[in-house]
Amino acid sequence: MGIKKVEQERQQQEEEEIRRMKLPRPPEVFGIVEQRLGGSRMSVRCLDGKTRITRIPGRLKRKLWVREGDVVIVEPWEYDKDKGDITYKYRRSQVDYLKREGKLKGLEDVEEF
């Protein structure tokens, strides 16, 4: 009985995450991390077709741990559209939900996640 209760609690947490999920607002775009470049920089393939060199801003450095294959929200810089900041990372259950809803159609390699 204890195992069932733990499973139910975990499922409720996942549903809560999905309800409160952040979606990108313009000019933000979805992206998938292709390569870590060192420090807080990484190469991200974005849904708009560009590959950007991104960084994790200082206020999020300790909170946001990103690996290759993660789905993220990228905010392009105003003055250099080939660079940007990573503002949010999606969890596995959130990525599954986004795929079901059809929001990640442009990212082919989301299956890696």
N, C-alpha and C. Protein backbone atom coordinates (compact mmCIF):
# COMPACT_ATOMS: atom_id res chain seq x y z
N MET A 1 0.81 -1.19 0.00
CA MET A 1 0.00 0.00 0.00
C MET A 1 0.86 1.26 0.00
N GLY A 2 2.03 1.22 0.62
CA GLY A 2 2.91 2.37 0.68
C GLY A 2 3.45 2.76 -0.70
N ILE A 3 3.71 1.75 -1.54
CA ILE A 3 4.24 2.03 -2.88
C ILE A 3 3.19 2.72 -3.74
N LYS A 4 1.94 2.28 -3.64
CA LYS A 4 0.87 2.91 -4.42
C LYS A 4 0.71 4.38 -4.04
N LYS A 5 0.82 4.67 -2.75
CA LYS A 5 0.66 6.03 -2.28
C LYS A 5 1.77 6.93 -2.82
N VAL A 6 2.99 6.41 -2.83
CA VAL A 6 4.13 7.16 -3.36
C VAL A 6 3.93 7.44 -4.85
N GLU A 7 3.45 6.44 -5.59
CA GLU A 7 3.18 6.61 -7.02
C GLU A 7 2.11 7.67 -7.26
N GLN A 8 1.05 7.64 -6.45
CA GLN A 8 -0.03 8.62 -6.59
C GLN A 8 0.47 10.03 -6.31
N GLU A 9 1.31 10.19 -5.28
CA GLU A 9 1.85 11.51 -4.95
C GLU A 9 2.74 12.02 -6.08
N ARG A 10 3.56 11.13 -6.64
CA ARG A 10 4.44 11.53 -7.74
C ARG A 10 3.62 11.95 -8.96
N GLN A 11 2.55 11.21 -9.25
CA GLN A 11 1.70 11.54 -10.38
C GLN A 11 1.00 12.89 -10.16
N GLN A 12 0.58 13.16 -8.93
CA GLN A 12 -0.04 14.45 -8.63
C GLN A 12 0.96 15.59 -8.82
N GLN A 13 2.22 15.38 -8.42
CA GLN A 13 3.24 16.41 -8.61
C GLN A 13 3.46 16.68 -10.08
N GLU A 14 3.52 15.63 -10.91
CA GLU A 14 3.71 15.81 -12.35
C GLU A 14 2.54 16.57 -12.96
N GLU A 15 1.32 16.27 -12.55
CA GLU A 15 0.16 16.99 -13.06
C GLU A 15 0.21 18.46 -12.65
N GLU A 16 0.67 18.73 -11.43
CA GLU A 16 0.78 20.11 -10.96
C GLU A 16 1.83 20.86 -11.79
N GLU A 17 2.95 20.19 -12.11
CA GLU A 17 3.99 20.81 -12.93
C GLU A 17 3.43 21.18 -14.30
N ILE A 18 2.63 20.30 -14.87
CA ILE A 18 2.08 20.53 -16.20
C ILE A 18 1.09 21.70 -16.17
N ARG A 19 0.29 21.79 -15.12
CA ARG A 19 -0.66 22.89 -15.02
C ARG A 19 0.03 24.24 -14.93
N ARG A 20 1.18 24.31 -14.29
CA ARG A 20 1.87 25.57 -14.08
C ARG A 20 3.00 25.80 -15.06
N MET A 21 3.03 25.08 -16.14
CA MET A 21 4.14 25.12 -17.07
C MET A 21 4.25 26.47 -17.77
N LYS A 22 5.48 26.92 -17.92
CA LYS A 22 5.74 28.19 -18.59
C LYS A 22 5.86 27.94 -20.09
N LEU A 23 5.20 28.77 -20.88
CA LEU A 23 5.31 28.70 -22.34
C LEU A 23 6.04 29.95 -22.82
N PRO A 24 6.77 29.85 -23.94
CA PRO A 24 7.52 31.01 -24.41
C PRO A 24 6.62 32.12 -24.93
N ARG A 25 6.94 33.34 -24.56
CA ARG A 25 6.26 34.53 -25.07
C ARG A 25 7.21 35.20 -26.05
N PRO A 26 6.68 35.85 -27.07
CA PRO A 26 7.59 36.52 -28.02
C PRO A 26 8.51 37.49 -27.29
N PRO A 27 9.75 37.53 -27.59
CA PRO A 27 10.52 36.88 -28.65
C PRO A 27 11.13 35.53 -28.24
N GLU A 28 10.72 34.94 -27.12
CA GLU A 28 11.29 33.68 -26.66
C GLU A 28 10.91 32.53 -27.60
N VAL A 29 11.79 31.50 -27.67
CA VAL A 29 11.54 30.34 -28.52
C VAL A 29 11.95 29.06 -27.77
N PHE A 30 11.37 27.93 -28.20
CA PHE A 30 11.79 26.63 -27.69
C PHE A 30 13.15 26.28 -28.30
N GLY A 31 13.94 25.49 -27.58
CA GLY A 31 15.21 25.02 -28.11
C GLY A 31 15.61 23.73 -27.44
N ILE A 32 16.56 23.03 -28.06
CA ILE A 32 17.11 21.81 -27.48
C ILE A 32 18.63 21.97 -27.41
N VAL A 33 19.21 21.65 -26.27
CA VAL A 33 20.63 21.84 -26.05
C VAL A 33 21.39 20.80 -26.86
N GLU A 34 22.27 21.27 -27.75
CA GLU A 34 23.07 20.37 -28.58
C GLU A 34 24.41 20.06 -27.95
N GLN A 35 25.06 21.09 -27.39
CA GLN A 35 26.43 20.89 -26.91
C GLN A 35 26.73 21.87 -25.79
N ARG A 36 27.42 21.38 -24.75
CA ARG A 36 27.91 22.27 -23.70
C ARG A 36 29.27 22.78 -24.13
N LEU A 37 29.48 24.08 -23.98
CA LEU A 37 30.72 24.69 -24.46
C LEU A 37 31.66 25.09 -23.33
N GLY A 38 31.24 24.95 -22.11
CA GLY A 38 32.09 25.32 -20.98
C GLY A 38 31.54 26.53 -20.26
N GLY A 39 31.80 26.60 -18.98
CA GLY A 39 31.24 27.68 -18.19
C GLY A 39 29.73 27.55 -18.17
N SER A 40 29.04 28.61 -18.44
CA SER A 40 27.58 28.54 -18.48
C SER A 40 27.08 28.68 -19.92
N ARG A 41 27.95 28.44 -20.89
CA ARG A 41 27.59 28.60 -22.30
C ARG A 41 27.29 27.25 -22.95
N MET A 42 26.37 27.29 -23.92
CA MET A 42 26.04 26.08 -24.67
C MET A 42 25.46 26.43 -26.03
N SER A 43 25.49 25.45 -26.91
CA SER A 43 24.92 25.60 -28.25
C SER A 43 23.52 24.99 -28.23
N VAL A 44 22.53 25.80 -28.67
CA VAL A 44 21.13 25.37 -28.62
C VAL A 44 20.52 25.51 -30.00
N ARG A 45 19.85 24.44 -30.48
CA ARG A 45 19.11 24.50 -31.74
C ARG A 45 17.70 24.92 -31.42
N CYS A 46 17.29 26.06 -31.96
CA CYS A 46 16.00 26.66 -31.63
C CYS A 46 14.92 26.27 -32.63
N LEU A 47 13.67 26.41 -32.22
CA LEU A 47 12.52 26.05 -33.03
C LEU A 47 12.39 26.93 -34.27
N ASP A 48 12.95 28.14 -34.22
CA ASP A 48 12.87 29.04 -35.38
C ASP A 48 13.93 28.74 -36.43
N GLY A 49 14.70 27.65 -36.26
CA GLY A 49 15.65 27.21 -37.27
C GLY A 49 17.08 27.67 -37.05
N LYS A 50 17.34 28.51 -36.08
CA LYS A 50 18.68 29.01 -35.83
C LYS A 50 19.36 28.20 -34.75
N THR A 51 20.69 28.12 -34.83
CA THR A 51 21.48 27.55 -33.75
C THR A 51 22.15 28.71 -33.04
N ARG A 52 21.87 28.85 -31.76
CA ARG A 52 22.37 29.99 -31.01
C ARG A 52 23.38 29.55 -29.95
N ILE A 53 24.34 30.44 -29.69
CA ILE A 53 25.23 30.27 -28.55
C ILE A 53 24.52 30.95 -27.39
N THR A 54 24.19 30.18 -26.37
CA THR A 54 23.42 30.71 -25.26
C THR A 54 24.21 30.62 -23.97
N ARG A 55 23.72 31.32 -22.98
CA ARG A 55 24.32 31.26 -21.65
C ARG A 55 23.21 31.21 -20.62
N ILE A 56 23.58 30.79 -19.42
CA ILE A 56 22.64 30.82 -18.30
C ILE A 56 22.95 32.10 -17.54
N PRO A 57 21.99 33.02 -17.42
CA PRO A 57 22.24 34.28 -16.72
C PRO A 57 22.65 34.04 -15.26
N GLY A 58 23.36 34.99 -14.70
CA GLY A 58 23.89 34.86 -13.34
C GLY A 58 22.84 34.57 -12.29
N ARG A 59 21.65 35.14 -12.43
CA ARG A 59 20.61 34.92 -11.41
C ARG A 59 20.10 33.48 -11.40
N LEU A 60 20.33 32.73 -12.50
CA LEU A 60 19.85 31.35 -12.60
C LEU A 60 20.96 30.31 -12.55
N LYS A 61 22.23 30.74 -12.48
CA LYS A 61 23.35 29.80 -12.59
C LYS A 61 23.30 28.65 -11.60
N ARG A 62 22.98 28.92 -10.37
CA ARG A 62 22.97 27.88 -9.34
C ARG A 62 21.67 27.07 -9.34
N LYS A 63 20.60 27.63 -9.88
CA LYS A 63 19.29 26.97 -9.86
C LYS A 63 19.04 26.08 -11.07
N LEU A 64 19.64 26.42 -12.21
CA LEU A 64 19.30 25.78 -13.47
C LEU A 64 20.45 24.89 -13.93
N TRP A 65 20.27 23.57 -13.87
CA TRP A 65 21.29 22.63 -14.32
C TRP A 65 20.82 22.04 -15.65
N VAL A 66 21.60 22.29 -16.70
CA VAL A 66 21.19 21.92 -18.05
C VAL A 66 22.20 20.94 -18.64
N ARG A 67 21.69 19.89 -19.30
CA ARG A 67 22.53 18.90 -19.98
C ARG A 67 22.17 18.85 -21.45
N GLU A 68 22.98 18.15 -22.23
CA GLU A 68 22.68 17.98 -23.65
C GLU A 68 21.38 17.21 -23.80
N GLY A 69 20.55 17.64 -24.75
CA GLY A 69 19.28 16.99 -24.99
C GLY A 69 18.11 17.59 -24.23
N ASP A 70 18.36 18.51 -23.32
CA ASP A 70 17.28 19.13 -22.56
C ASP A 70 16.52 20.13 -23.43
N VAL A 71 15.21 20.22 -23.21
CA VAL A 71 14.38 21.20 -23.91
C VAL A 71 14.30 22.44 -23.02
N VAL A 72 14.57 23.60 -23.62
CA VAL A 72 14.67 24.84 -22.86
C VAL A 72 13.93 25.97 -23.58
N ILE A 73 13.75 27.09 -22.88
CA ILE A 73 13.26 28.32 -23.50
C ILE A 73 14.46 29.24 -23.65
N VAL A 74 14.63 29.77 -24.87
CA VAL A 74 15.74 30.68 -25.16
C VAL A 74 15.17 32.06 -25.45
N GLU A 75 15.77 33.07 -24.83
CA GLU A 75 15.41 34.45 -25.11
C GLU A 75 16.54 35.08 -25.92
N PRO A 76 16.33 35.31 -27.23
CA PRO A 76 17.39 35.90 -28.07
C PRO A 76 17.74 37.31 -27.59
N TRP A 77 19.02 37.67 -27.78
CA TRP A 77 19.46 39.01 -27.42
C TRP A 77 18.92 40.00 -28.44
N GLU A 78 18.65 41.21 -28.02
CA GLU A 78 18.11 42.24 -28.92
C GLU A 78 19.11 42.64 -30.00
N TYR A 79 20.37 42.78 -29.62
CA TYR A 79 21.37 43.32 -30.55
C TYR A 79 22.12 42.25 -31.33
N ASP A 80 22.04 40.99 -30.93
CA ASP A 80 22.72 39.91 -31.65
C ASP A 80 21.81 38.69 -31.62
N LYS A 81 21.06 38.46 -32.70
CA LYS A 81 20.05 37.40 -32.73
C LYS A 81 20.65 35.99 -32.76
N ASP A 82 21.98 35.87 -32.95
CA ASP A 82 22.63 34.55 -32.95
C ASP A 82 23.04 34.11 -31.55
N LYS A 83 22.75 34.93 -30.55
CA LYS A 83 23.07 34.60 -29.16
C LYS A 83 21.81 34.77 -28.32
N GLY A 84 21.83 34.20 -27.12
CA GLY A 84 20.66 34.33 -26.28
C GLY A 84 20.90 33.83 -24.87
N ASP A 85 19.86 33.91 -24.04
CA ASP A 85 19.89 33.44 -22.66
C ASP A 85 18.90 32.31 -22.49
N ILE A 86 19.28 31.31 -21.69
CA ILE A 86 18.36 30.23 -21.34
C ILE A 86 17.60 30.68 -20.11
N THR A 87 16.27 30.70 -20.20
CA THR A 87 15.47 31.20 -19.09
C THR A 87 14.68 30.11 -18.37
N TYR A 88 14.50 28.94 -18.99
CA TYR A 88 13.68 27.90 -18.36
C TYR A 88 14.06 26.54 -18.94
N LYS A 89 14.03 25.51 -18.11
CA LYS A 89 14.28 24.14 -18.56
C LYS A 89 13.05 23.30 -18.25
N TYR A 90 12.62 22.49 -19.23
CA TYR A 90 11.45 21.63 -19.05
C TYR A 90 11.86 20.27 -18.50
N ARG A 91 11.00 19.71 -17.65
CA ARG A 91 11.20 18.35 -17.13
C ARG A 91 10.61 17.36 -18.12
N ARG A 92 10.91 16.09 -17.90
CA ARG A 92 10.48 15.03 -18.83
C ARG A 92 8.96 14.99 -19.00
N SER A 93 8.22 15.07 -17.91
CA SER A 93 6.75 15.01 -18.01
C SER A 93 6.21 16.22 -18.78
N GLN A 94 6.86 17.37 -18.62
CA GLN A 94 6.44 18.57 -19.34
C GLN A 94 6.72 18.43 -20.83
N VAL A 95 7.88 17.83 -21.19
CA VAL A 95 8.21 17.62 -22.60
C VAL A 95 7.21 16.67 -23.24
N ASP A 96 6.84 15.60 -22.53
CA ASP A 96 5.84 14.67 -23.05
C ASP A 96 4.51 15.39 -23.32
N TYR A 97 4.11 16.24 -22.40
CA TYR A 97 2.87 17.01 -22.56
C TYR A 97 2.97 17.93 -23.78
N LEU A 98 4.08 18.64 -23.92
CA LEU A 98 4.26 19.55 -25.06
C LEU A 98 4.22 18.79 -26.38
N LYS A 99 4.79 17.57 -26.41
CA LYS A 99 4.74 16.75 -27.63
C LYS A 99 3.31 16.35 -27.95
N ARG A 100 2.56 15.94 -26.93
CA ARG A 100 1.16 15.56 -27.15
C ARG A 100 0.33 16.73 -27.66
N GLU A 101 0.61 17.92 -27.18
CA GLU A 101 -0.13 19.11 -27.59
C GLU A 101 0.34 19.66 -28.95
N GLY A 102 1.46 19.14 -29.48
CA GLY A 102 1.94 19.57 -30.79
C GLY A 102 2.72 20.86 -30.78
N LYS A 103 3.24 21.27 -29.63
CA LYS A 103 3.98 22.53 -29.53
C LYS A 103 5.44 22.37 -29.98
N LEU A 104 5.96 21.14 -30.04
CA LEU A 104 7.37 20.90 -30.35
C LEU A 104 7.56 20.28 -31.72
N LYS A 105 6.73 20.62 -32.69
CA LYS A 105 6.81 19.98 -34.01
C LYS A 105 8.12 20.23 -34.73
N GLY A 106 8.74 21.38 -34.53
CA GLY A 106 9.97 21.72 -35.25
C GLY A 106 11.22 21.04 -34.71
N LEU A 107 11.16 20.47 -33.54
CA LEU A 107 12.35 19.83 -32.95
C LEU A 107 12.26 18.32 -33.18
N GLU A 108 13.07 17.82 -34.10
CA GLU A 108 13.02 16.40 -34.45
C GLU A 108 13.65 15.52 -33.40
N ASP A 109 14.71 16.00 -32.74
CA ASP A 109 15.49 15.17 -31.84
C ASP A 109 14.99 15.21 -30.40
N VAL A 110 13.76 15.60 -30.20
CA VAL A 110 13.21 15.61 -28.85
C VAL A 110 13.10 14.18 -28.32
N GLU A 111 13.07 13.21 -29.23
CA GLU A 111 12.99 11.80 -28.81
C GLU A 111 14.20 11.42 -27.98
N GLU A 112 15.35 12.12 -28.16
CA GLU A 112 16.55 11.82 -27.37
C GLU A 112 16.28 12.01 -25.89
N PHE A 113 15.43 12.98 -25.56
CA PHE A 113 15.17 13.31 -24.16
C PHE A 113 14.62 12.09 -23.48
